[in-house]
Amino acid sequence: MRISGKELSLKLKAELKEKVALLKKEAGRAPQLTVILVGNNPASVSYVTGKAKACEAVGIDNRTIRLDASTEEASLLGLIADLNADETVDGILVQLPLPPHIDENRVIDAIAKEKDVDGFHPLNVAALWQHRPCTVPCTPKGIIKLLKEAGEDIAGKRAVVVGRSNIVGLPVAKLLLDENATVTIAHSRTRNLGEVTREADILVVAVGRPGTITADMVKPGAVVIDVGVNRNSTTGKLCGDVDTEAVEAVARCITPVPGGVGPMTIACLMENTVEAFEAKLPR
């Protein structure tokens, strides 16, 4: 079967909408997310628009600050400092990638840990690996929710994560470990990749390359989470890193692209923003 991230995200957003309404009565205002977009990268513009729509659906106050691609790094850092100091701002998200003249790491470091709703700040990353309270990155958080929605008992299972990025591969491996899976991280330099992936009860693929995983690389009955978002060079349609049609004949369930991990990433961003707001309330 296909695991619908779209359906699960709608369910999560409906729950968050109820919570936001109650929080607004309690605190006198709704949670607030500020998104900064530097330049006009078409994919980034689309992502930012999707986040604004999700905020509206949940009841989160949203502001998108659009800056010219020529904006200097110092100006962007100054804006982030102002938002850090603004008590009415609960979450700050700088849409990546940034223009090449701006140091992404410096920008991520500048966002206050408690307002870092992406979960990319070094202190949030360290806290994740040390079992301390933190903001969990949105895509990995959504992947765990999808696995549980599919009825997967993660504990004791063999999980293989193909991809080692700071945004998906490494944090989702840690979350799987926290759920008591036995985890292997594979990547572009892994020899005989198919031998590794065929061991997986749970296979998470996040490499950004279409057709990386074919049916012969999947263990029968496995759960496959396809994180990739690519553009098919022939059809122009969106596709993942997995040969979905072939693999779904082997796997127990798989996430589609689009409509799988993507909607859950945005829903979990909403959840992180609400949690950042809740953390500021008097206890």
Protein backbone atom coordinates (compact mmCIF):
# COMPACT_ATOMS: atom_id res chain seq x y z
CA MET A 1 0.00 0.00 0.00
CA ARG A 2 1.00 3.63 -0.30
CA ILE A 3 1.33 5.66 2.90
CA SER A 4 -0.42 8.97 2.31
CA GLY A 5 1.51 11.80 3.88
CA LYS A 6 -1.17 14.12 2.58
CA GLU A 7 -3.90 12.43 4.63
CA LEU A 8 -1.78 12.23 7.78
CA SER A 9 -0.71 15.86 7.44
CA LEU A 10 -4.35 16.96 7.21
CA LYS A 11 -5.08 15.02 10.39
CA LEU A 12 -2.13 16.60 12.22
CA LYS A 13 -3.03 20.10 11.04
CA ALA A 14 -6.63 19.63 12.20
CA GLU A 15 -5.36 18.69 15.65
CA LEU A 16 -2.99 21.68 15.68
CA LYS A 17 -5.82 24.02 14.63
CA GLU A 18 -7.79 23.02 17.74
CA LYS A 19 -4.72 23.46 19.95
CA VAL A 20 -3.90 26.89 18.45
CA ALA A 21 -7.45 28.09 19.10
CA LEU A 22 -7.12 27.12 22.77
CA LEU A 23 -3.64 28.67 23.06
CA LYS A 24 -4.91 31.91 21.54
CA LYS A 25 -7.59 32.13 24.24
CA GLU A 26 -5.05 31.35 26.94
CA ALA A 27 -2.24 33.65 25.79
CA GLY A 28 -4.17 36.35 23.95
CA ARG A 29 -2.42 35.71 20.66
CA ALA A 30 -1.62 32.91 18.22
CA PRO A 31 1.85 31.45 17.62
CA GLN A 32 3.84 33.46 15.07
CA LEU A 33 6.20 32.15 12.38
CA THR A 34 8.43 34.47 10.38
CA VAL A 35 9.91 33.11 7.15
CA ILE A 36 12.77 34.86 5.35
CA LEU A 37 13.18 34.31 1.61
CA VAL A 38 16.32 35.65 -0.04
CA GLY A 39 16.07 35.78 -3.83
CA ASN A 40 13.51 34.22 -6.17
CA ASN A 41 14.52 30.59 -6.52
CA PRO A 42 11.31 29.04 -7.98
CA ALA A 43 11.43 25.97 -5.72
CA SER A 44 12.01 28.14 -2.64
CA VAL A 45 9.14 30.46 -3.59
CA SER A 46 6.88 27.40 -3.90
CA TYR A 47 7.98 26.03 -0.52
CA VAL A 48 7.45 29.38 1.20
CA THR A 49 3.98 29.70 -0.33
CA GLY A 50 3.10 26.22 0.94
CA LYS A 51 4.23 27.12 4.44
CA ALA A 52 2.12 30.27 4.43
CA LYS A 53 -0.96 28.28 3.38
CA ALA A 54 -0.32 25.73 6.14
CA CYS A 55 -0.04 28.52 8.72
CA GLU A 56 -3.37 29.91 7.57
CA ALA A 57 -5.00 26.48 7.80
CA VAL A 58 -3.74 25.93 11.36
CA GLY A 59 -4.30 29.48 12.64
CA ILE A 60 -0.63 30.41 13.04
CA ASP A 61 0.24 34.04 12.33
CA ASN A 62 2.68 34.08 9.42
CA ARG A 63 4.92 36.76 7.99
CA THR A 64 7.12 36.22 4.95
CA ILE A 65 9.99 38.67 4.54
CA ARG A 66 11.22 38.70 0.94
CA LEU A 67 14.72 40.03 0.35
CA ASP A 68 16.57 40.69 -2.88
CA ALA A 69 19.15 38.08 -3.92
CA SER A 70 21.85 40.76 -3.59
CA THR A 71 21.13 41.26 0.12
CA GLU A 72 24.37 41.36 2.09
CA GLU A 73 25.03 38.74 4.75
CA ALA A 74 25.41 41.41 7.44
CA SER A 75 21.94 42.79 6.66
CA LEU A 76 20.40 39.33 6.91
CA LEU A 77 22.17 38.66 10.22
CA GLY A 78 20.94 42.02 11.52
CA LEU A 79 17.36 41.12 10.59
CA ILE A 80 17.66 37.78 12.38
CA ALA A 81 18.99 39.54 15.50
CA ASP A 82 15.94 41.82 15.48
CA LEU A 83 13.59 38.82 15.15
CA ASN A 84 15.40 37.02 17.98
CA ALA A 85 14.70 40.01 20.22
CA ASP A 86 11.04 40.30 19.17
CA GLU A 87 8.90 38.55 21.81
CA THR A 88 5.98 38.27 19.41
CA VAL A 89 8.01 36.04 17.06
CA ASP A 90 7.99 32.38 18.11
CA GLY A 91 9.60 30.73 15.12
CA ILE A 92 12.19 31.89 12.57
CA LEU A 93 12.87 30.05 9.33
CA VAL A 94 15.36 31.13 6.69
CA GLN A 95 14.53 29.33 3.44
CA LEU A 96 17.49 27.44 2.03
CA PRO A 97 19.44 27.46 -0.22
CA LEU A 98 20.81 30.97 0.15
CA PRO A 99 22.71 32.93 -2.53
CA PRO A 100 26.37 31.81 -2.71
CA HIS A 101 27.77 34.99 -1.12
CA ILE A 102 25.94 34.22 2.16
CA ASP A 103 27.32 31.63 4.60
CA GLU A 104 24.41 29.31 5.41
CA ASN A 105 26.06 28.00 8.58
CA ARG A 106 26.56 31.52 9.91
CA VAL A 107 22.89 32.28 9.26
CA ILE A 108 21.69 29.07 10.96
CA ASP A 109 23.93 29.77 13.94
CA ALA A 110 22.45 33.28 14.27
CA ILE A 111 18.88 32.08 14.84
CA ALA A 112 18.03 31.74 18.54
CA LYS A 113 17.93 28.05 19.53
CA GLU A 114 14.42 28.39 20.98
CA LYS A 115 13.12 29.99 17.75
CA ASP A 116 14.86 27.54 15.41
CA VAL A 117 11.77 25.68 14.19
CA ASP A 118 13.80 23.86 11.50
CA GLY A 119 15.92 22.16 14.17
CA PHE A 120 19.16 23.04 12.35
CA HIS A 121 20.90 25.12 15.06
CA PRO A 122 24.05 23.37 16.40
CA LEU A 123 22.64 23.40 19.94
CA ASN A 124 19.45 21.67 18.78
CA VAL A 125 21.51 19.13 16.82
CA ALA A 126 23.71 18.44 19.85
CA ALA A 127 20.67 18.11 22.12
CA LEU A 128 19.09 15.60 19.71
CA TRP A 129 22.15 13.35 19.89
CA GLN A 130 22.41 13.73 23.67
CA HIS A 131 18.77 12.83 24.43
CA ARG A 132 18.05 16.36 25.63
CA PRO A 133 14.97 18.52 24.90
CA CYS A 134 15.29 20.04 21.44
CA THR A 135 13.50 20.98 18.25
CA VAL A 136 13.45 17.89 16.04
CA PRO A 137 14.06 18.57 12.31
CA CYS A 138 10.78 18.55 10.40
CA THR A 139 11.40 15.90 7.74
CA PRO A 140 12.85 13.25 10.10
CA LYS A 141 10.06 13.95 12.58
CA GLY A 142 7.49 13.45 9.81
CA ILE A 143 9.13 10.19 8.72
CA ILE A 144 8.73 8.66 12.18
CA LYS A 145 5.08 9.73 12.22
CA LEU A 146 4.56 8.09 8.80
CA LEU A 147 6.12 4.82 9.96
CA LYS A 148 3.86 4.73 13.00
CA GLU A 149 0.83 5.59 10.84
CA ALA A 150 1.69 2.55 8.70
CA GLY A 151 1.50 0.42 11.84
CA GLU A 152 5.21 -0.27 11.82
CA ASP A 153 6.65 -1.49 15.13
CA ILE A 154 10.09 0.07 14.78
CA ALA A 155 11.68 -1.52 17.87
CA GLY A 156 14.06 -4.34 17.00
CA LYS A 157 13.79 -3.82 13.23
CA ARG A 158 16.71 -3.43 10.83
CA ALA A 159 16.63 0.07 9.37
CA VAL A 160 18.80 1.32 6.52
CA VAL A 161 19.06 5.04 5.77
CA VAL A 162 20.49 5.85 2.35
CA GLY A 163 21.84 9.39 2.65
CA ARG A 164 23.90 11.16 5.31
CA SER A 165 22.85 14.81 5.13
CA ASN A 166 22.51 16.95 8.25
CA ILE A 167 18.91 17.73 7.26
CA VAL A 168 17.54 14.19 6.78
CA GLY A 169 19.96 11.25 6.80
CA LEU A 170 21.78 11.74 10.09
CA PRO A 171 18.84 12.98 12.21
CA VAL A 172 16.41 10.31 10.95
CA ALA A 173 19.01 7.65 11.77
CA LYS A 174 19.16 9.02 15.32
CA LEU A 175 15.35 9.05 15.65
CA LEU A 176 15.21 5.44 14.44
CA LEU A 177 17.83 4.55 17.04
CA ASP A 178 15.69 6.26 19.67
CA GLU A 179 12.82 4.01 18.57
CA ASN A 180 15.14 1.01 19.20
CA ALA A 181 15.81 0.08 15.58
CA THR A 182 19.20 -1.27 14.54
CA VAL A 183 20.39 1.32 12.04
CA THR A 184 22.82 1.28 9.11
CA ILE A 185 23.68 4.48 7.25
CA ALA A 186 24.56 4.00 3.58
CA HIS A 187 25.53 6.62 1.02
CA SER A 188 26.94 7.30 -2.45
CA ARG A 189 30.25 5.63 -1.60
CA THR A 190 28.70 2.46 -0.17
CA ARG A 191 29.91 -0.61 -2.04
CA ASN A 192 27.28 -3.10 -3.21
CA LEU A 193 24.46 -0.85 -2.02
CA GLY A 194 21.80 -3.43 -2.91
CA GLU A 195 23.30 -5.94 -0.48
CA VAL A 196 22.91 -3.40 2.31
CA THR A 197 19.41 -2.21 1.42
CA ARG A 198 18.07 -5.78 1.09
CA GLU A 199 18.70 -6.22 4.82
CA ALA A 200 16.27 -3.44 5.69
CA ASP A 201 12.88 -3.95 7.27
CA ILE A 202 12.65 -0.16 7.10
CA LEU A 203 14.35 1.62 4.19
CA VAL A 204 14.64 5.41 4.15
CA VAL A 205 16.05 6.91 0.94
CA ALA A 206 17.25 10.51 0.80
CA VAL A 207 19.95 10.96 -1.83
CA GLY A 208 18.33 13.24 -4.41
CA ARG A 209 18.88 10.93 -7.35
CA PRO A 210 15.98 9.35 -9.30
CA GLY A 211 15.90 5.57 -9.57
CA THR A 212 18.51 4.97 -6.88
CA ILE A 213 16.48 2.12 -5.39
CA THR A 214 15.07 -0.55 -7.70
CA ALA A 215 12.89 -3.54 -6.87
CA ASP A 216 15.81 -5.99 -6.61
CA MET A 217 17.33 -3.83 -3.85
CA VAL A 218 14.33 -4.13 -1.52
CA LYS A 219 13.57 -6.89 0.99
CA PRO A 220 10.09 -8.38 0.41
CA GLY A 221 7.67 -6.87 2.93
CA ALA A 222 9.85 -3.88 3.76
CA VAL A 223 8.52 -0.40 4.49
CA VAL A 224 10.07 2.13 2.11
CA ILE A 225 10.17 5.88 2.83
CA ASP A 226 11.11 7.90 -0.26
CA VAL A 227 12.37 11.36 0.73
CA GLY A 228 13.69 12.37 -2.70
CA VAL A 229 12.10 15.15 -4.72
CA ASN A 230 13.40 15.18 -8.30
CA ARG A 231 12.16 16.26 -11.71
CA ASN A 232 11.95 13.46 -14.28
CA SER A 233 14.08 14.61 -17.23
CA THR A 234 11.75 12.93 -19.73
CA THR A 235 8.25 13.65 -18.41
CA GLY A 236 8.99 16.73 -16.32
CA LYS A 237 6.98 15.24 -13.46
CA LEU A 238 8.08 15.08 -9.84
CA CYS A 239 9.57 11.77 -8.75
CA GLY A 240 11.46 10.37 -5.79
CA ASP A 241 14.67 8.40 -5.36
CA VAL A 242 12.81 5.08 -5.58
CA ASP A 243 11.38 3.31 -8.62
CA THR A 244 7.94 3.42 -7.01
CA GLU A 245 5.92 1.29 -9.42
CA ALA A 246 8.44 -1.55 -9.39
CA VAL A 247 9.22 -1.38 -5.66
CA GLU A 248 5.60 -1.30 -4.48
CA ALA A 249 5.21 -4.82 -5.89
CA VAL A 250 7.86 -5.97 -3.39
CA ALA A 251 7.45 -3.68 -0.39
CA ARG A 252 4.68 -3.88 2.22
CA CYS A 253 4.16 -0.14 1.89
CA ILE A 254 5.84 2.89 0.36
CA THR A 255 5.46 6.67 0.43
CA PRO A 256 4.57 8.27 -2.92
CA VAL A 257 6.23 11.32 -4.47
CA PRO A 258 4.55 13.74 -4.39
CA GLY A 259 2.12 13.31 -1.49
CA GLY A 260 4.32 11.36 0.92
CA VAL A 261 7.05 12.90 3.06
CA GLY A 262 6.63 16.46 1.71
CA PRO A 263 3.25 17.29 3.30
CA MET A 264 4.45 15.84 6.61
CA THR A 265 7.51 18.09 6.60
CA ILE A 266 5.29 21.19 6.46
CA ALA A 267 2.85 19.80 9.04
CA CYS A 268 5.74 19.13 11.43
CA LEU A 269 7.00 22.68 10.88
CA MET A 270 3.60 23.85 12.11
CA GLU A 271 3.90 21.52 15.11
CA ASN A 272 7.40 22.82 15.90
CA THR A 273 6.14 26.41 15.78
CA VAL A 274 3.30 25.62 18.18
CA GLU A 275 5.73 23.82 20.51
CA ALA A 276 8.09 26.84 20.45
CA PHE A 277 5.17 29.05 21.42
CA GLU A 278 4.08 26.68 24.21
CA ALA A 279 7.61 26.63 25.63
CA LYS A 280 7.37 30.38 26.31
CA LEU A 281 4.12 30.18 28.25
CA PRO A 282 4.22 30.44 32.06
CA ARG A 283 4.10 27.03 33.71
